[in-house]
Amino acid sequence: MTNHLHLLLTPENAERVPQMLISVGRRYPQSINHGYGRTGTLWGVS
């Protein structure tokens, strides 16, 4: 399957995992939008 990924994390500090996932959640839409020349949310019509 190419529509998902699995993460195997071994953090030194457990509080870093949510911070990393928040960061990924913010950067992923920006990356997709940049690649397709779009703006806004991934689910919006633009």
N, C-alpha and C. Protein backbone atom coordinates (compact mmCIF):
# COMPACT_ATOMS: atom_id res chain seq x y z
N MET A 1 0.84 -1.18 0.00
CA MET A 1 0.00 0.00 0.00
C MET A 1 0.88 1.24 0.00
N THR A 2 0.55 2.17 -0.85
CA THR A 2 1.34 3.40 -0.92
C THR A 2 0.62 4.60 -0.33
N ASN A 3 -0.54 4.38 0.29
CA ASN A 3 -1.30 5.52 0.80
C ASN A 3 -1.14 5.74 2.30
N HIS A 4 -0.17 5.10 2.93
CA HIS A 4 0.06 5.31 4.35
C HIS A 4 1.50 4.94 4.69
N LEU A 5 1.87 5.24 5.91
CA LEU A 5 3.21 4.86 6.37
C LEU A 5 3.14 4.45 7.82
N HIS A 6 4.15 3.74 8.24
CA HIS A 6 4.26 3.29 9.63
C HIS A 6 5.50 3.94 10.23
N LEU A 7 5.39 4.38 11.46
CA LEU A 7 6.52 4.98 12.17
C LEU A 7 6.92 4.08 13.33
N LEU A 8 8.18 3.83 13.44
CA LEU A 8 8.72 3.11 14.58
C LEU A 8 9.61 4.10 15.32
N LEU A 9 9.16 4.56 16.48
CA LEU A 9 9.85 5.60 17.22
C LEU A 9 10.39 5.07 18.53
N THR A 10 11.61 5.47 18.84
CA THR A 10 12.21 5.16 20.13
C THR A 10 12.80 6.46 20.69
N PRO A 11 11.94 7.29 21.26
CA PRO A 11 12.42 8.58 21.74
C PRO A 11 13.14 8.47 23.08
N GLU A 12 14.07 9.36 23.29
CA GLU A 12 14.70 9.45 24.60
C GLU A 12 13.75 10.09 25.60
N ASN A 13 12.85 10.94 25.07
CA ASN A 13 11.90 11.66 25.91
C ASN A 13 10.51 11.47 25.31
N ALA A 14 9.59 10.88 26.05
CA ALA A 14 8.26 10.54 25.53
C ALA A 14 7.47 11.77 25.08
N GLU A 15 7.74 12.93 25.65
CA GLU A 15 7.02 14.14 25.26
C GLU A 15 7.36 14.59 23.85
N ARG A 16 8.44 14.11 23.29
CA ARG A 16 8.86 14.52 21.96
C ARG A 16 8.01 13.88 20.85
N VAL A 17 7.39 12.76 21.12
CA VAL A 17 6.60 12.07 20.09
C VAL A 17 5.41 12.93 19.65
N PRO A 18 4.58 13.44 20.55
CA PRO A 18 3.48 14.29 20.10
C PRO A 18 3.97 15.55 19.38
N GLN A 19 5.06 16.11 19.85
CA GLN A 19 5.61 17.30 19.20
C GLN A 19 6.04 16.99 17.77
N MET A 20 6.64 15.84 17.56
CA MET A 20 7.07 15.45 16.22
C MET A 20 5.87 15.23 15.31
N LEU A 21 4.83 14.57 15.81
CA LEU A 21 3.64 14.32 14.99
C LEU A 21 2.92 15.62 14.64
N ILE A 22 2.88 16.57 15.56
CA ILE A 22 2.31 17.88 15.26
C ILE A 22 3.10 18.57 14.16
N SER A 23 4.41 18.49 14.26
CA SER A 23 5.27 19.09 13.24
C SER A 23 5.04 18.47 11.87
N VAL A 24 4.96 17.15 11.82
CA VAL A 24 4.69 16.46 10.55
C VAL A 24 3.32 16.87 10.01
N GLY A 25 2.33 16.96 10.90
CA GLY A 25 0.99 17.34 10.48
C GLY A 25 0.91 18.75 9.93
N ARG A 26 1.82 19.60 10.33
CA ARG A 26 1.85 20.97 9.81
C ARG A 26 2.65 21.05 8.51
N ARG A 27 3.71 20.29 8.42
CA ARG A 27 4.59 20.39 7.26
C ARG A 27 4.09 19.61 6.05
N TYR A 28 3.41 18.51 6.26
CA TYR A 28 2.95 17.68 5.15
C TYR A 28 2.03 18.45 4.20
N PRO A 29 1.00 19.13 4.70
CA PRO A 29 0.14 19.88 3.77
C PRO A 29 0.92 20.97 3.02
N GLN A 30 1.85 21.62 3.70
CA GLN A 30 2.65 22.64 3.04
C GLN A 30 3.45 22.05 1.89
N SER A 31 4.02 20.87 2.13
CA SER A 31 4.82 20.20 1.10
C SER A 31 3.96 19.81 -0.10
N ILE A 32 2.81 19.23 0.16
CA ILE A 32 1.90 18.84 -0.92
C ILE A 32 1.44 20.07 -1.69
N ASN A 33 1.03 21.11 -0.98
CA ASN A 33 0.58 22.33 -1.64
C ASN A 33 1.68 22.94 -2.49
N HIS A 34 2.89 22.96 -2.01
CA HIS A 34 4.01 23.50 -2.77
C HIS A 34 4.21 22.69 -4.05
N GLY A 35 4.15 21.39 -3.94
CA GLY A 35 4.36 20.52 -5.10
C GLY A 35 3.29 20.66 -6.17
N TYR A 36 2.06 20.98 -5.75
CA TYR A 36 0.96 21.10 -6.71
C TYR A 36 0.56 22.55 -6.98
N GLY A 37 1.31 23.49 -6.40
CA GLY A 37 1.01 24.90 -6.63
C GLY A 37 -0.32 25.33 -6.06
N ARG A 38 -0.66 24.80 -4.90
CA ARG A 38 -1.94 25.10 -4.26
C ARG A 38 -1.72 25.85 -2.97
N THR A 39 -2.82 26.27 -2.35
CA THR A 39 -2.79 26.87 -1.02
C THR A 39 -3.96 26.30 -0.22
N GLY A 40 -3.93 26.50 1.08
CA GLY A 40 -5.04 26.09 1.93
C GLY A 40 -4.92 24.66 2.41
N THR A 41 -6.05 24.13 2.87
CA THR A 41 -6.07 22.77 3.40
C THR A 41 -6.00 21.76 2.27
N LEU A 42 -5.67 20.54 2.60
CA LEU A 42 -5.62 19.50 1.56
C LEU A 42 -7.01 19.11 1.11
N TRP A 43 -8.02 19.35 1.93
CA TRP A 43 -9.37 18.90 1.62
C TRP A 43 -10.21 20.00 0.99
N GLY A 44 -9.70 21.23 0.98
CA GLY A 44 -10.46 22.34 0.41
C GLY A 44 -10.40 22.36 -1.11
N VAL A 45 -11.33 23.05 -1.71
CA VAL A 45 -11.35 23.21 -3.16
C VAL A 45 -10.70 24.54 -3.46
N SER A 46 -9.56 24.49 -4.14
CA SER A 46 -8.88 25.74 -4.49
C SER A 46 -8.20 25.63 -5.84
